[in-house]
Amino acid sequence: MLSGRLADASDLAERALQLSRTHKERGHEAWALKLLGDVALGHNPPKTQQAESYYRHASAVSLELGMRPLQAHCHLSLGELYTQMDQSGKAQKELSTAIDLYRSMEMTAGLREAEIALAKIAQTVRSTSQTVVTH
């Protein structure tokens, strides 16, 4: 996926999902769903509905299994997705949830990424509000 080979990444993630379900490995299933969301988001244009569905499903499985790091990553990804979709309210909610989870687990790298994303949204919202007021 990182090298831009989205079709290959999608095929492998689908295979991982299939194997995890066949062997009833729910943790691996959750990670495969997250990866499928990342692949969907990586398309140009992004497959936003598909990405949202995968992230939501991965988040639900990770919540059920107590996989808090994956939960945080899913919320961060959803926040990034909603930012791309110009849904700042939803993005802020997801990013704030990710920040809370990262802080509680002392995961500084994820925390910084989520804080930067949230700050960008806040700056955009302020800029848009100022533009509307001045016109």
Protein backbone atom coordinates (compact mmCIF):
# COMPACT_ATOMS: atom_id res chain seq x y z
CA MET A 1 0.00 0.00 0.00
CA LEU A 2 2.77 2.43 0.89
CA SER A 3 4.39 1.89 -2.49
CA GLY A 4 1.14 2.80 -4.26
CA ARG A 5 0.17 -0.76 -5.21
CA LEU A 6 -3.38 -0.45 -3.92
CA ALA A 7 -4.78 -3.36 -5.92
CA ASP A 8 -2.17 -5.72 -4.45
CA ALA A 9 -2.70 -4.27 -0.97
CA SER A 10 -6.45 -4.72 -1.30
CA ASP A 11 -6.08 -8.33 -2.47
CA LEU A 12 -3.75 -9.19 0.40
CA ALA A 13 -5.90 -7.46 3.00
CA GLU A 14 -9.00 -9.27 1.69
CA ARG A 15 -7.08 -12.55 1.94
CA ALA A 16 -6.02 -11.72 5.49
CA LEU A 17 -9.63 -10.93 6.36
CA GLN A 18 -10.80 -14.22 4.86
CA LEU A 19 -8.14 -16.23 6.72
CA SER A 20 -8.81 -14.48 10.03
CA ARG A 21 -12.52 -15.26 9.74
CA THR A 22 -11.89 -18.86 8.67
CA HIS A 23 -9.65 -19.41 11.70
CA LYS A 24 -11.82 -17.30 14.01
CA GLU A 25 -8.97 -14.90 14.79
CA ARG A 26 -10.99 -11.80 15.64
CA GLY A 27 -7.97 -9.64 16.49
CA HIS A 28 -6.44 -10.24 13.08
CA GLU A 29 -9.87 -9.65 11.54
CA ALA A 30 -10.00 -6.20 13.15
CA TRP A 31 -6.55 -5.27 11.85
CA ALA A 32 -7.43 -6.52 8.34
CA LEU A 33 -10.58 -4.38 8.38
CA LYS A 34 -8.54 -1.34 9.41
CA LEU A 35 -6.10 -2.01 6.57
CA LEU A 36 -8.97 -2.33 4.09
CA GLY A 37 -10.20 1.06 5.28
CA ASP A 38 -6.75 2.52 4.71
CA VAL A 39 -6.65 1.06 1.20
CA ALA A 40 -10.10 2.46 0.38
CA LEU A 41 -9.02 5.87 1.66
CA GLY A 42 -5.82 5.66 -0.40
CA HIS A 43 -7.65 5.51 -3.74
CA ASN A 44 -7.88 8.59 -5.93
CA PRO A 45 -10.61 9.60 -5.45
CA PRO A 46 -10.98 7.99 -2.02
CA LYS A 47 -13.70 5.36 -1.59
CA THR A 48 -15.10 7.20 1.40
CA GLN A 49 -18.19 5.11 2.13
CA GLN A 50 -16.20 1.90 1.90
CA ALA A 51 -13.44 3.30 4.12
CA GLU A 52 -15.95 4.47 6.71
CA SER A 53 -17.62 1.05 6.79
CA TYR A 54 -14.31 -0.78 7.25
CA TYR A 55 -13.14 1.62 9.97
CA ARG A 56 -16.45 1.38 11.82
CA HIS A 57 -16.39 -2.42 11.67
CA ALA A 58 -12.74 -2.55 12.79
CA SER A 59 -13.56 -0.18 15.63
CA ALA A 60 -16.50 -2.31 16.77
CA VAL A 61 -14.43 -5.51 16.80
CA SER A 62 -11.54 -3.78 18.58
CA LEU A 63 -13.93 -2.40 21.21
CA GLU A 64 -15.44 -5.85 21.74
CA LEU A 65 -11.97 -7.38 22.16
CA GLY A 66 -10.48 -4.57 24.25
CA MET A 67 -7.91 -3.65 21.59
CA ARG A 68 -7.55 -0.03 22.68
CA PRO A 69 -4.57 0.89 20.43
CA LEU A 70 -6.51 -0.25 17.37
CA GLN A 71 -9.58 1.64 18.61
CA ALA A 72 -7.50 4.81 18.79
CA HIS A 73 -6.11 4.23 15.30
CA CYS A 74 -9.63 3.70 13.92
CA HIS A 75 -10.85 6.96 15.48
CA LEU A 76 -7.83 8.78 14.05
CA SER A 77 -8.51 7.31 10.61
CA LEU A 78 -12.19 8.23 10.82
CA GLY A 79 -11.19 11.75 11.79
CA GLU A 80 -8.91 11.98 8.77
CA LEU A 81 -11.68 10.55 6.56
CA TYR A 82 -14.26 13.07 7.78
CA THR A 83 -11.73 15.86 7.31
CA GLN A 84 -11.38 14.86 3.65
CA MET A 85 -15.17 14.78 3.38
CA ASP A 86 -15.43 18.35 4.83
CA GLN A 87 -17.39 17.08 7.83
CA SER A 88 -15.50 19.01 10.49
CA GLY A 89 -17.91 18.26 13.35
CA LYS A 90 -17.60 14.50 12.87
CA ALA A 91 -13.84 14.83 12.32
CA GLN A 92 -13.40 16.78 15.56
CA LYS A 93 -15.39 14.19 17.51
CA GLU A 94 -13.37 11.25 16.14
CA LEU A 95 -10.03 13.01 16.61
CA SER A 96 -10.91 14.02 20.17
CA THR A 97 -11.78 10.41 20.96
CA ALA A 98 -8.48 9.27 19.44
CA ILE A 99 -6.60 11.86 21.50
CA ASP A 100 -8.29 10.69 24.71
CA LEU A 101 -7.42 7.06 23.96
CA TYR A 102 -3.82 7.83 22.98
CA ARG A 103 -3.32 9.92 26.14
CA SER A 104 -4.74 7.21 28.38
CA MET A 105 -2.29 4.70 26.87
CA GLU A 106 0.62 7.17 26.69
CA MET A 107 0.96 6.56 22.93
CA THR A 108 2.80 9.75 22.06
CA ALA A 109 3.24 9.24 18.30
CA GLY A 110 -0.44 8.68 17.64
CA LEU A 111 -1.30 11.45 20.07
CA ARG A 112 0.82 14.01 18.20
CA GLU A 113 -0.68 13.01 14.85
CA ALA A 114 -4.24 13.34 16.16
CA GLU A 115 -3.51 16.67 17.88
CA ILE A 116 -2.02 18.10 14.68
CA ALA A 117 -5.04 16.96 12.65
CA LEU A 118 -7.45 18.45 15.20
CA ALA A 119 -5.54 21.75 15.28
CA LYS A 120 -5.74 22.00 11.48
CA ILE A 121 -9.51 21.54 11.59
CA ALA A 122 -9.87 24.16 14.30
CA GLN A 123 -7.78 26.59 12.25
CA THR A 124 -9.88 25.94 9.14
CA VAL A 125 -13.12 26.42 11.08
CA ARG A 126 -11.82 29.73 12.53
CA SER A 127 -10.72 30.94 9.09
CA THR A 128 -14.08 30.04 7.56
CA SER A 129 -15.95 31.77 10.41
CA GLN A 130 -13.87 34.94 10.02
CA THR A 131 -14.46 34.98 6.27
CA VAL A 132 -18.21 34.63 6.73
CA VAL A 133 -18.29 37.44 9.36
CA THR A 134 -16.32 39.90 7.21
CA HIS A 135 -18.51 39.38 4.14
